[in-house]
Amino acid sequence: MNAARLAVGVDIGGTKIAFALVSREGDVLAENRLPTLPEEGAPAVLDRIAAGIRDLLAQAGRPVDGIGIGCPGYVNPHTGICHRAVNLDWTDVPLRDDLLRRLALDLPVAVHRDTNAGAVGEWMFGAGRGQSDFVYAAIGTGMGFGAVTGGRLLLGRGFQAMEFGHVSFDPHGRLCRCGLRGCVEAYVSGVGLLAGYHEHRADFPASPLALMANVTVGDILFAAGRGDALALCLLDEASDRLAAALACCVGMTDPGLFIIGGGLGLALYDRLMPGLEKRVRARTLPVTHGHLRFARSQVTSSAAGAAALVWMNA
């Protein structure tokens, strides 16, 4: 192993926790995954996180610069507290301090919302490198955004800036897991595509997809590739809702670049483009979209993005 500076990154998801030992240049030198099992409670999840960190520290063989953690929900990066994470059933969990007690190490620990960690990862290691203004959109089981503007990570007063996944564009629309209706996530996510399948399948009686039982997101993507009308309807609906959110981002932050990431975002990227770009431009003034570019995420490890938090202000 070379003498490059290292950090440990941790990405906490609803079903898995991803860990990575990452160099300052963005190279992933080691990685691991553990099940989250949130039903066992926050202390058990924190025990698993600490165990995963210890494993990578042992593989590093020398001191690291720090630990970066991306966590879903309402996270305060100054206190390291996760105030609310619906998918984890967490309320006011002192994530940073409880982990430091378990690890008994004198290491800096940076904690941010997971999509902010993803944006920082792209900024330092990926498609956002060298860019002072961009928006990162992560599409997976859910939907989230992060932004760098003026060369700084955009946080907001309550650290919830760019939470477009749970902004309702239609108060009479599809019910979202957050309790609102018409949220972007209710259409642009794995959960959203499956909800759309059940909502629209009766409208497409000739669709082979509509006749399937126990449909998965993978089934929808495969069917779309074969030109299935129902699947194409779901992706068109998702593209339109995503375009509405991105158009709002144009008006708010005037980014030069949109980076599309997340597992589902990467799987859909080629199919969404160039239609998504055309829809965003149709919803915004030429003076605000003339310089816009779209790019695929280049950071394939979510934990690598979390590790980048350690060097964000270095």
C-alpha atoms as a PDB file:
ATOM      1  CA  MET A   1       0.000   0.000   0.000  1.00  0.00           C
ATOM      2  CA  ASN A   2       1.376   3.421  -0.894  1.00  0.00           C
ATOM      3  CA  ALA A   3       1.795   6.358   1.472  1.00  0.00           C
ATOM      4  CA  ALA A   4      -1.252   8.252   0.234  1.00  0.00           C
ATOM      5  CA  ARG A   5      -3.438   9.940   2.822  1.00  0.00           C
ATOM      6  CA  LEU A   6      -6.414   7.779   3.752  1.00  0.00           C
ATOM      7  CA  ALA A   7      -9.909   8.131   5.178  1.00  0.00           C
ATOM      8  CA  VAL A   8     -12.680   5.716   6.075  1.00  0.00           C
ATOM      9  CA  GLY A   9     -16.089   6.335   4.548  1.00  0.00           C
ATOM     10  CA  VAL A  10     -19.398   4.944   5.800  1.00  0.00           C
ATOM     11  CA  ASP A  11     -22.697   5.135   3.924  1.00  0.00           C
ATOM     12  CA  ILE A  12     -25.691   4.141   6.068  1.00  0.00           C
ATOM     13  CA  GLY A  13     -28.617   2.788   4.099  1.00  0.00           C
ATOM     14  CA  GLY A  14     -31.918   1.284   5.088  1.00  0.00           C
ATOM     15  CA  THR A  15     -30.810  -2.245   4.142  1.00  0.00           C
ATOM     16  CA  LYS A  16     -27.004  -2.114   4.089  1.00  0.00           C
ATOM     17  CA  ILE A  17     -24.059  -0.176   5.460  1.00  0.00           C
ATOM     18  CA  ALA A  18     -21.229   0.371   2.970  1.00  0.00           C
ATOM     19  CA  PHE A  19     -17.656   0.948   4.127  1.00  0.00           C
ATOM     20  CA  ALA A  20     -14.608   2.039   2.126  1.00  0.00           C
ATOM     21  CA  LEU A  21     -10.966   2.835   2.796  1.00  0.00           C
ATOM     22  CA  VAL A  22     -10.232   5.657   0.373  1.00  0.00           C
ATOM     23  CA  SER A  23      -7.126   7.571  -0.676  1.00  0.00           C
ATOM     24  CA  ARG A  24      -7.021  11.357  -1.024  1.00  0.00           C
ATOM     25  CA  GLU A  25      -7.085  10.808  -4.790  1.00  0.00           C
ATOM     26  CA  GLY A  26     -10.354   8.874  -4.564  1.00  0.00           C
ATOM     27  CA  ASP A  27      -8.997   5.349  -4.991  1.00  0.00           C
ATOM     28  CA  VAL A  28     -10.959   2.720  -3.042  1.00  0.00           C
ATOM     29  CA  LEU A  29      -8.318   0.518  -1.412  1.00  0.00           C
ATOM     30  CA  ALA A  30     -10.673  -1.735   0.555  1.00  0.00           C
ATOM     31  CA  GLU A  31     -14.409  -1.980   1.090  1.00  0.00           C
ATOM     32  CA  ASN A  32     -17.005  -3.954   2.964  1.00  0.00           C
ATOM     33  CA  ARG A  33     -20.751  -4.169   3.527  1.00  0.00           C
ATOM     34  CA  LEU A  34     -22.834  -5.147   6.513  1.00  0.00           C
ATOM     35  CA  PRO A  35     -26.621  -5.447   6.890  1.00  0.00           C
ATOM     36  CA  THR A  36     -28.233  -2.466   8.582  1.00  0.00           C
ATOM     37  CA  LEU A  37     -31.062  -4.369  10.331  1.00  0.00           C
ATOM     38  CA  PRO A  38     -32.646  -1.165  11.689  1.00  0.00           C
ATOM     39  CA  GLU A  39     -35.361  -3.183  13.412  1.00  0.00           C
ATOM     40  CA  GLU A  40     -32.741  -4.184  15.985  1.00  0.00           C
ATOM     41  CA  GLY A  41     -32.487  -0.579  17.160  1.00  0.00           C
ATOM     42  CA  ALA A  42     -29.932   2.212  16.857  1.00  0.00           C
ATOM     43  CA  PRO A  43     -27.411   0.794  19.383  1.00  0.00           C
ATOM     44  CA  ALA A  44     -27.107  -2.462  17.406  1.00  0.00           C
ATOM     45  CA  VAL A  45     -26.686  -0.563  14.130  1.00  0.00           C
ATOM     46  CA  LEU A  46     -23.989   1.618  15.699  1.00  0.00           C
ATOM     47  CA  ASP A  47     -22.224  -1.517  16.945  1.00  0.00           C
ATOM     48  CA  ARG A  48     -22.107  -2.800  13.362  1.00  0.00           C
ATOM     49  CA  ILE A  49     -20.850   0.533  12.055  1.00  0.00           C
ATOM     50  CA  ALA A  50     -18.066   0.570  14.636  1.00  0.00           C
ATOM     51  CA  ALA A  51     -17.106  -3.013  13.746  1.00  0.00           C
ATOM     52  CA  GLY A  52     -16.937  -2.153  10.039  1.00  0.00           C
ATOM     53  CA  ILE A  53     -14.761   0.890  10.744  1.00  0.00           C
ATOM     54  CA  ARG A  54     -12.383  -1.139  12.928  1.00  0.00           C
ATOM     55  CA  ASP A  55     -11.998  -3.680  10.144  1.00  0.00           C
ATOM     56  CA  LEU A  56     -10.911  -1.047   7.634  1.00  0.00           C
ATOM     57  CA  LEU A  57      -8.634   0.728  10.114  1.00  0.00           C
ATOM     58  CA  ALA A  58      -6.865  -2.588  10.641  1.00  0.00           C
ATOM     59  CA  GLN A  59      -6.444  -2.995   6.886  1.00  0.00           C
ATOM     60  CA  ALA A  60      -5.021   0.519   6.573  1.00  0.00           C
ATOM     61  CA  GLY A  61      -2.066  -0.519   8.705  1.00  0.00           C
ATOM     62  CA  ARG A  62      -1.385   3.090   9.709  1.00  0.00           C
ATOM     63  CA  PRO A  63      -3.278   6.162  10.951  1.00  0.00           C
ATOM     64  CA  VAL A  64      -5.959   7.679   8.751  1.00  0.00           C
ATOM     65  CA  ASP A  65      -7.023  11.313   8.504  1.00  0.00           C
ATOM     66  CA  GLY A  66     -10.555  10.692   9.746  1.00  0.00           C
ATOM     67  CA  ILE A  67     -13.938   9.076   9.232  1.00  0.00           C
ATOM     68  CA  GLY A  68     -16.741  10.404   7.039  1.00  0.00           C
ATOM     69  CA  ILE A  69     -20.324   9.241   7.465  1.00  0.00           C
ATOM     70  CA  GLY A  70     -23.275   9.735   5.136  1.00  0.00           C
ATOM     71  CA  CYS A  71     -26.614   9.199   6.850  1.00  0.00           C
ATOM     72  CA  PRO A  72     -30.158   9.533   5.487  1.00  0.00           C
ATOM     73  CA  GLY A  73     -32.642  11.938   6.971  1.00  0.00           C
ATOM     74  CA  TYR A  74     -32.340  15.143   8.970  1.00  0.00           C
ATOM     75  CA  VAL A  75     -28.697  15.318  10.028  1.00  0.00           C
ATOM     76  CA  ASN A  76     -26.913  18.160  11.824  1.00  0.00           C
ATOM     77  CA  PRO A  77     -23.281  18.174  10.605  1.00  0.00           C
ATOM     78  CA  HIS A  78     -22.158  20.432  13.459  1.00  0.00           C
ATOM     79  CA  THR A  79     -23.397  18.188  16.280  1.00  0.00           C
ATOM     80  CA  GLY A  80     -23.262  14.866  14.423  1.00  0.00           C
ATOM     81  CA  ILE A  81     -26.838  14.100  15.496  1.00  0.00           C
ATOM     82  CA  CYS A  82     -29.315  12.343  13.212  1.00  0.00           C
ATOM     83  CA  HIS A  83     -32.548  13.990  14.300  1.00  0.00           C
ATOM     84  CA  ARG A  84     -34.826  11.937  12.064  1.00  0.00           C
ATOM     85  CA  ALA A  85     -34.290   9.112   9.610  1.00  0.00           C
ATOM     86  CA  VAL A  86     -37.550   7.484   8.542  1.00  0.00           C
ATOM     87  CA  ASN A  87     -36.003   4.407   6.917  1.00  0.00           C
ATOM     88  CA  LEU A  88     -33.900   3.718  10.020  1.00  0.00           C
ATOM     89  CA  ASP A  89     -36.631   4.672  12.525  1.00  0.00           C
ATOM     90  CA  TRP A  90     -34.120   6.965  14.221  1.00  0.00           C
ATOM     91  CA  THR A  91     -34.967  10.024  16.295  1.00  0.00           C
ATOM     92  CA  ASP A  92     -32.234  12.200  17.834  1.00  0.00           C
ATOM     93  CA  VAL A  93     -29.456   9.612  17.583  1.00  0.00           C
ATOM     94  CA  PRO A  94     -26.048  11.137  18.558  1.00  0.00           C
ATOM     95  CA  LEU A  95     -24.334   9.321  15.724  1.00  0.00           C
ATOM     96  CA  ARG A  96     -20.892  10.923  15.907  1.00  0.00           C
ATOM     97  CA  ASP A  97     -20.471  10.878  19.682  1.00  0.00           C
ATOM     98  CA  ASP A  98     -21.829   7.360  20.140  1.00  0.00           C
ATOM     99  CA  LEU A  99     -19.476   6.046  17.460  1.00  0.00           C
ATOM    100  CA  LEU A 100     -16.469   7.785  18.999  1.00  0.00           C
ATOM    101  CA  ARG A 101     -17.291   6.187  22.355  1.00  0.00           C
ATOM    102  CA  ARG A 102     -17.429   2.774  20.737  1.00  0.00           C
ATOM    103  CA  LEU A 103     -14.218   3.266  18.793  1.00  0.00           C
ATOM    104  CA  ALA A 104     -12.275   4.930  21.639  1.00  0.00           C
ATOM    105  CA  LEU A 105     -10.150   6.743  19.047  1.00  0.00           C
ATOM    106  CA  ASP A 106      -9.017  10.341  18.736  1.00  0.00           C
ATOM    107  CA  LEU A 107     -10.123  10.824  15.131  1.00  0.00           C
ATOM    108  CA  PRO A 108     -12.151  13.546  13.432  1.00  0.00           C
ATOM    109  CA  VAL A 109     -15.567  12.281  12.354  1.00  0.00           C
ATOM    110  CA  ALA A 110     -17.589  14.200   9.756  1.00  0.00           C
ATOM    111  CA  VAL A 111     -21.321  13.454   9.518  1.00  0.00           C
ATOM    112  CA  HIS A 112     -23.594  14.742   6.755  1.00  0.00           C
ATOM    113  CA  ARG A 113     -26.804  13.800   5.001  1.00  0.00           C
ATOM    114  CA  ASP A 114     -26.058  11.009   2.528  1.00  0.00           C
ATOM    115  CA  THR A 115     -26.841  13.054  -0.580  1.00  0.00           C
ATOM    116  CA  ASN A 116     -24.532  15.826   0.613  1.00  0.00           C
ATOM    117  CA  ALA A 117     -21.812  13.209   1.011  1.00  0.00           C
ATOM    118  CA  GLY A 118     -22.519  12.072  -2.541  1.00  0.00           C
ATOM    119  CA  ALA A 119     -22.190  15.631  -3.829  1.00  0.00           C
ATOM    120  CA  VAL A 120     -18.881  16.109  -2.023  1.00  0.00           C
ATOM    121  CA  GLY A 121     -17.622  12.813  -3.440  1.00  0.00           C
ATOM    122  CA  GLU A 122     -18.380  13.979  -6.989  1.00  0.00           C
ATOM    123  CA  TRP A 123     -16.819  17.358  -6.209  1.00  0.00           C
ATOM    124  CA  MET A 124     -13.539  15.868  -5.026  1.00  0.00           C
ATOM    125  CA  PHE A 125     -13.273  12.617  -6.984  1.00  0.00           C
ATOM    126  CA  GLY A 126     -15.802  12.553  -9.812  1.00  0.00           C
ATOM    127  CA  ALA A 127     -17.804  14.468 -12.387  1.00  0.00           C
ATOM    128  CA  GLY A 128     -17.899  17.629 -10.272  1.00  0.00           C
ATOM    129  CA  ARG A 129     -14.127  17.909  -9.909  1.00  0.00           C
ATOM    130  CA  GLY A 130     -13.041  21.486 -10.561  1.00  0.00           C
ATOM    131  CA  GLN A 131     -16.643  22.752 -10.663  1.00  0.00           C
ATOM    132  CA  SER A 132     -17.838  25.514  -8.336  1.00  0.00           C
ATOM    133  CA  ASP A 133     -21.567  25.144  -9.085  1.00  0.00           C
ATOM    134  CA  PHE A 134     -23.422  21.897  -9.680  1.00  0.00           C
ATOM    135  CA  VAL A 135     -26.365  19.823  -8.473  1.00  0.00           C
ATOM    136  CA  TYR A 136     -26.104  16.119  -7.661  1.00  0.00           C
ATOM    137  CA  ALA A 137     -29.278  14.033  -7.990  1.00  0.00           C
ATOM    138  CA  ALA A 138     -29.203  10.529  -6.497  1.00  0.00           C
ATOM    139  CA  ILE A 139     -31.928   8.141  -7.667  1.00  0.00           C
ATOM    140  CA  GLY A 140     -32.218   4.830  -5.889  1.00  0.00           C
ATOM    141  CA  THR A 141     -34.843   3.294  -3.637  1.00  0.00           C
ATOM    142  CA  GLY A 142     -35.545   6.932  -2.762  1.00  0.00           C
ATOM    143  CA  MET A 143     -34.589  10.286  -4.291  1.00  0.00           C
ATOM    144  CA  GLY A 144     -32.240  12.952  -2.970  1.00  0.00           C
ATOM    145  CA  PHE A 145     -30.256  16.005  -3.997  1.00  0.00           C
ATOM    146  CA  GLY A 146     -27.113  17.819  -2.946  1.00  0.00           C
ATOM    147  CA  ALA A 147     -25.519  20.966  -4.343  1.00  0.00           C
ATOM    148  CA  VAL A 148     -22.266  22.851  -4.434  1.00  0.00           C
ATOM    149  CA  THR A 149     -22.741  26.548  -5.107  1.00  0.00           C
ATOM    150  CA  GLY A 150     -20.053  29.190  -5.193  1.00  0.00           C
ATOM    151  CA  GLY A 151     -17.530  26.526  -4.264  1.00  0.00           C
ATOM    152  CA  ARG A 152     -19.337  25.602  -1.031  1.00  0.00           C
ATOM    153  CA  LEU A 153     -21.644  22.755  -0.065  1.00  0.00           C
ATOM    154  CA  LEU A 154     -25.162  24.168   0.198  1.00  0.00           C
ATOM    155  CA  LEU A 155     -26.616  23.354   3.629  1.00  0.00           C
ATOM    156  CA  GLY A 156     -29.396  25.802   4.576  1.00  0.00           C
ATOM    157  CA  ARG A 157     -30.508  26.999   7.995  1.00  0.00           C
ATOM    158  CA  GLY A 158     -31.702  23.571   9.109  1.00  0.00           C
ATOM    159  CA  PHE A 159     -29.206  21.609   6.966  1.00  0.00           C
ATOM    160  CA  GLN A 160     -32.036  20.472   4.686  1.00  0.00           C
ATOM    161  CA  ALA A 161     -31.248  22.535   1.604  1.00  0.00           C
ATOM    162  CA  MET A 162     -31.959  20.727  -1.681  1.00  0.00           C
ATOM    163  CA  GLU A 163     -34.455  18.312  -0.112  1.00  0.00           C
ATOM    164  CA  PHE A 164     -36.433  18.264  -3.349  1.00  0.00           C
ATOM    165  CA  GLY A 165     -37.207  14.576  -2.989  1.00  0.00           C
ATOM    166  CA  HIS A 166     -39.935  15.554  -0.555  1.00  0.00           C
ATOM    167  CA  VAL A 167     -41.229  18.719  -2.179  1.00  0.00           C
ATOM    168  CA  SER A 168     -44.777  18.237  -3.444  1.00  0.00           C
ATOM    169  CA  PHE A 169     -45.345  19.346  -7.017  1.00  0.00           C
ATOM    170  CA  ASP A 170     -48.954  18.149  -6.858  1.00  0.00           C
ATOM    171  CA  PRO A 171     -50.807  18.177  -3.508  1.00  0.00           C
ATOM    172  CA  HIS A 172     -53.380  15.806  -5.042  1.00  0.00           C
ATOM    173  CA  GLY A 173     -50.786  13.448  -6.469  1.00  0.00           C
ATOM    174  CA  ARG A 174     -49.441  10.072  -5.427  1.00  0.00           C
ATOM    175  CA  LEU A 175     -49.040   9.437  -1.696  1.00  0.00           C
ATOM    176  CA  CYS A 176     -45.395   9.505  -0.637  1.00  0.00           C
ATOM    177  CA  ARG A 177     -43.834   7.579   2.248  1.00  0.00           C
ATOM    178  CA  CYS A 178     -43.229  10.909   4.019  1.00  0.00           C
ATOM    179  CA  GLY A 179     -46.982  11.551   4.251  1.00  0.00           C
ATOM    180  CA  LEU A 180     -47.193  14.258   1.568  1.00  0.00           C
ATOM    181  CA  ARG A 181     -48.712  13.784  -1.867  1.00  0.00           C
ATOM    182  CA  GLY A 182     -47.061  14.456  -5.188  1.00  0.00           C
ATOM    183  CA  CYS A 183     -43.456  14.397  -3.966  1.00  0.00           C
ATOM    184  CA  VAL A 184     -40.686  13.923  -6.526  1.00  0.00           C
ATOM    185  CA  GLU A 185     -39.600  10.728  -4.737  1.00  0.00           C
ATOM    186  CA  ALA A 186     -43.093   9.269  -5.175  1.00  0.00           C
ATOM    187  CA  TYR A 187     -42.388   9.153  -8.936  1.00  0.00           C
ATOM    188  CA  VAL A 188     -38.600   9.277  -9.377  1.00  0.00           C
ATOM    189  CA  SER A 189     -37.285   6.329  -7.357  1.00  0.00           C
ATOM    190  CA  GLY A 190     -37.536   2.577  -7.099  1.00  0.00           C
ATOM    191  CA  VAL A 191     -40.448   2.986  -4.722  1.00  0.00           C
ATOM    192  CA  GLY A 192     -42.024   5.500  -7.089  1.00  0.00           C
ATOM    193  CA  LEU A 193     -41.761   3.262 -10.146  1.00  0.00           C
ATOM    194  CA  LEU A 194     -43.399   0.383  -8.295  1.00  0.00           C
ATOM    195  CA  ALA A 195     -46.171   2.657  -7.025  1.00  0.00           C
ATOM    196  CA  GLY A 196     -46.695   3.878 -10.588  1.00  0.00           C
ATOM    197  CA  TYR A 197     -46.876   0.293 -11.820  1.00  0.00           C
ATOM    198  CA  HIS A 198     -49.794  -0.466  -9.506  1.00  0.00           C
ATOM    199  CA  GLU A 199     -51.432   2.854 -10.337  1.00  0.00           C
ATOM    200  CA  HIS A 200     -51.260   2.509 -14.128  1.00  0.00           C
ATOM    201  CA  ARG A 201     -51.242  -1.220 -14.901  1.00  0.00           C
ATOM    202  CA  ALA A 202     -55.009  -1.341 -15.512  1.00  0.00           C
ATOM    203  CA  ASP A 203     -54.565   1.291 -18.236  1.00  0.00           C
ATOM    204  CA  PHE A 204     -52.283  -1.026 -20.242  1.00  0.00           C
ATOM    205  CA  PRO A 205     -54.099  -4.396 -20.528  1.00  0.00           C
ATOM    206  CA  ALA A 206     -51.959  -5.441 -23.493  1.00  0.00           C
ATOM    207  CA  SER A 207     -48.687  -4.834 -21.655  1.00  0.00           C
ATOM    208  CA  PRO A 208     -46.755  -8.029 -20.796  1.00  0.00           C
ATOM    209  CA  LEU A 209     -45.432  -6.184 -17.750  1.00  0.00           C
ATOM    210  CA  ALA A 210     -48.979  -5.565 -16.505  1.00  0.00           C
ATOM    211  CA  LEU A 211     -49.616  -9.307 -16.506  1.00  0.00           C
ATOM    212  CA  MET A 212     -46.631 -10.136 -14.311  1.00  0.00           C
ATOM    213  CA  ALA A 213     -46.881 -10.957 -10.618  1.00  0.00           C
ATOM    214  CA  ASN A 214     -44.472  -9.601  -7.975  1.00  0.00           C
ATOM    215  CA  VAL A 215     -42.937  -7.039 -10.319  1.00  0.00           C
ATOM    216  CA  THR A 216     -39.536  -5.575  -9.398  1.00  0.00           C
ATOM    217  CA  VAL A 217     -37.789  -2.403 -10.529  1.00  0.00           C
ATOM    218  CA  GLY A 218     -35.502  -4.631 -12.584  1.00  0.00           C
ATOM    219  CA  ASP A 219     -38.548  -6.033 -14.380  1.00  0.00           C
ATOM    220  CA  ILE A 220     -39.689  -2.501 -15.236  1.00  0.00           C
ATOM    221  CA  LEU A 221     -36.280  -1.555 -16.647  1.00  0.00           C
ATOM    222  CA  PHE A 222     -36.070  -4.760 -18.660  1.00  0.00           C
ATOM    223  CA  ALA A 223     -39.583  -4.230 -20.035  1.00  0.00           C
ATOM    224  CA  ALA A 224     -38.745  -0.643 -20.984  1.00  0.00           C
ATOM    225  CA  GLY A 225     -35.798  -1.934 -22.976  1.00  0.00           C
ATOM    226  CA  ARG A 226     -38.208  -4.129 -24.916  1.00  0.00           C
ATOM    227  CA  GLY A 227     -40.552  -1.212 -25.618  1.00  0.00           C
ATOM    228  CA  ASP A 228     -43.302  -2.203 -23.170  1.00  0.00           C
ATOM    229  CA  ALA A 229     -45.884   0.599 -23.148  1.00  0.00           C
ATOM    230  CA  LEU A 230     -46.535   0.490 -19.391  1.00  0.00           C
ATOM    231  CA  ALA A 231     -42.833   0.571 -18.540  1.00  0.00           C
ATOM    232  CA  LEU A 232     -42.236   3.453 -20.937  1.00  0.00           C
ATOM    233  CA  CYS A 233     -45.132   5.348 -19.374  1.00  0.00           C
ATOM    234  CA  LEU A 234     -43.580   4.979 -15.913  1.00  0.00           C
ATOM    235  CA  LEU A 235     -40.179   6.218 -17.088  1.00  0.00           C
ATOM    236  CA  ASP A 236     -41.756   9.106 -18.978  1.00  0.00           C
ATOM    237  CA  GLU A 237     -43.663  10.118 -15.857  1.00  0.00           C
ATOM    238  CA  ALA A 238     -40.476   9.910 -13.781  1.00  0.00           C
ATOM    239  CA  SER A 239     -38.541  11.976 -16.318  1.00  0.00           C
ATOM    240  CA  ASP A 240     -41.184  14.689 -16.284  1.00  0.00           C
ATOM    241  CA  ARG A 241     -41.226  14.950 -12.475  1.00  0.00           C
ATOM    242  CA  LEU A 242     -37.439  14.941 -12.308  1.00  0.00           C
ATOM    243  CA  ALA A 243     -37.285  17.687 -14.943  1.00  0.00           C
ATOM    244  CA  ALA A 244     -39.633  19.827 -12.837  1.00  0.00           C
ATOM    245  CA  ALA A 245     -37.347  19.460  -9.812  1.00  0.00           C
ATOM    246  CA  LEU A 246     -34.204  20.183 -11.827  1.00  0.00           C
ATOM    247  CA  ALA A 247     -35.813  23.254 -13.363  1.00  0.00           C
ATOM    248  CA  CYS A 248     -36.404  24.568  -9.843  1.00  0.00           C
ATOM    249  CA  CYS A 249     -32.735  23.928  -9.107  1.00  0.00           C
ATOM    250  CA  VAL A 250     -31.835  26.058 -12.125  1.00  0.00           C
ATOM    251  CA  GLY A 251     -33.892  28.924 -10.746  1.00  0.00           C
ATOM    252  CA  MET A 252     -32.455  28.566  -7.245  1.00  0.00           C
ATOM    253  CA  THR A 253     -28.754  27.857  -7.688  1.00  0.00           C
ATOM    254  CA  ASP A 254     -27.963  28.492 -11.381  1.00  0.00           C
ATOM    255  CA  PRO A 255     -25.745  25.404 -11.650  1.00  0.00           C
ATOM    256  CA  GLY A 256     -23.481  24.752 -14.583  1.00  0.00           C
ATOM    257  CA  LEU A 257     -23.851  21.012 -14.226  1.00  0.00           C
ATOM    258  CA  PHE A 258     -26.321  18.325 -13.183  1.00  0.00           C
ATOM    259  CA  ILE A 259     -24.776  15.030 -12.081  1.00  0.00           C
ATOM    260  CA  ILE A 260     -27.105  12.020 -12.074  1.00  0.00           C
ATOM    261  CA  GLY A 261     -26.149   9.217  -9.693  1.00  0.00           C
ATOM    262  CA  GLY A 262     -27.510   6.517  -7.436  1.00  0.00           C
ATOM    263  CA  GLY A 263     -27.980   2.912  -8.512  1.00  0.00           C
ATOM    264  CA  LEU A 264     -31.224   3.540 -10.370  1.00  0.00           C
ATOM    265  CA  GLY A 265     -30.011   6.866 -11.738  1.00  0.00           C
ATOM    266  CA  LEU A 266     -27.007   5.187 -13.332  1.00  0.00           C
ATOM    267  CA  ALA A 267     -29.186   2.389 -14.715  1.00  0.00           C
ATOM    268  CA  LEU A 268     -31.594   4.926 -16.225  1.00  0.00           C
ATOM    269  CA  TYR A 269     -29.091   7.527 -17.393  1.00  0.00           C
ATOM    270  CA  ASP A 270     -28.895   6.577 -21.066  1.00  0.00           C
ATOM    271  CA  ARG A 271     -32.658   6.157 -21.300  1.00  0.00           C
ATOM    272  CA  LEU A 272     -33.393   9.474 -19.555  1.00  0.00           C
ATOM    273  CA  MET A 273     -31.021  11.421 -21.783  1.00  0.00           C
ATOM    274  CA  PRO A 274     -31.470  13.491 -23.900  1.00  0.00           C
ATOM    275  CA  GLY A 275     -35.194  13.731 -23.152  1.00  0.00           C
ATOM    276  CA  LEU A 276     -34.596  14.923 -19.581  1.00  0.00           C
ATOM    277  CA  GLU A 277     -32.292  17.682 -20.757  1.00  0.00           C
ATOM    278  CA  LYS A 278     -34.880  18.867 -23.299  1.00  0.00           C
ATOM    279  CA  ARG A 279     -37.565  18.960 -20.621  1.00  0.00           C
ATOM    280  CA  VAL A 280     -35.415  20.997 -18.238  1.00  0.00           C
ATOM    281  CA  ARG A 281     -34.598  23.477 -20.994  1.00  0.00           C
ATOM    282  CA  ALA A 282     -38.282  23.743 -21.924  1.00  0.00           C
ATOM    283  CA  ARG A 283     -39.107  24.743 -18.335  1.00  0.00           C
ATOM    284  CA  THR A 284     -36.375  27.392 -17.938  1.00  0.00           C
ATOM    285  CA  LEU A 285     -35.295  30.613 -19.631  1.00  0.00           C
ATOM    286  CA  PRO A 286     -32.534  30.340 -22.240  1.00  0.00           C
ATOM    287  CA  VAL A 287     -30.349  32.738 -20.268  1.00  0.00           C
ATOM    288  CA  THR A 288     -30.386  30.294 -17.339  1.00  0.00           C
ATOM    289  CA  HIS A 289     -29.961  27.037 -19.230  1.00  0.00           C
ATOM    290  CA  GLY A 290     -27.640  27.943 -22.067  1.00  0.00           C
ATOM    291  CA  HIS A 291     -24.568  26.799 -20.127  1.00  0.00           C
ATOM    292  CA  LEU A 292     -26.103  23.686 -18.560  1.00  0.00           C
ATOM    293  CA  ARG A 293     -24.427  20.295 -18.868  1.00  0.00           C
ATOM    294  CA  PHE A 294     -25.530  16.844 -17.692  1.00  0.00           C
ATOM    295  CA  ALA A 295     -23.152  14.101 -16.588  1.00  0.00           C
ATOM    296  CA  ARG A 296     -23.240  10.602 -15.209  1.00  0.00           C
ATOM    297  CA  SER A 297     -21.897  10.112 -11.669  1.00  0.00           C
ATOM    298  CA  GLN A 298     -18.291   8.943 -11.681  1.00  0.00           C
ATOM    299  CA  VAL A 299     -18.089   7.870  -8.023  1.00  0.00           C
ATOM    300  CA  THR A 300     -19.337   4.298  -7.932  1.00  0.00           C
ATOM    301  CA  SER A 301     -18.833   3.731  -4.190  1.00  0.00           C
ATOM    302  CA  SER A 302     -21.278   5.621  -1.983  1.00  0.00           C
ATOM    303  CA  ALA A 303     -18.862   5.159   0.920  1.00  0.00           C
ATOM    304  CA  ALA A 304     -16.133   6.914  -1.077  1.00  0.00           C
ATOM    305  CA  GLY A 305     -18.323   9.998  -1.156  1.00  0.00           C
ATOM    306  CA  ALA A 306     -18.647   9.798   2.618  1.00  0.00           C
ATOM    307  CA  ALA A 307     -14.864   9.510   2.964  1.00  0.00           C
ATOM    308  CA  ALA A 308     -14.476  12.732   0.961  1.00  0.00           C
ATOM    309  CA  LEU A 309     -16.187  14.591   3.818  1.00  0.00           C
ATOM    310  CA  VAL A 310     -12.968  14.226   5.822  1.00  0.00           C
ATOM    311  CA  TRP A 311     -11.098  16.445   3.349  1.00  0.00           C
ATOM    312  CA  MET A 312     -13.941  18.772   2.360  1.00  0.00           C
ATOM    313  CA  ASN A 313     -12.509  21.789   4.195  1.00  0.00           C
ATOM    314  CA  ALA A 314      -8.839  20.763   4.032  1.00  0.00           C
END
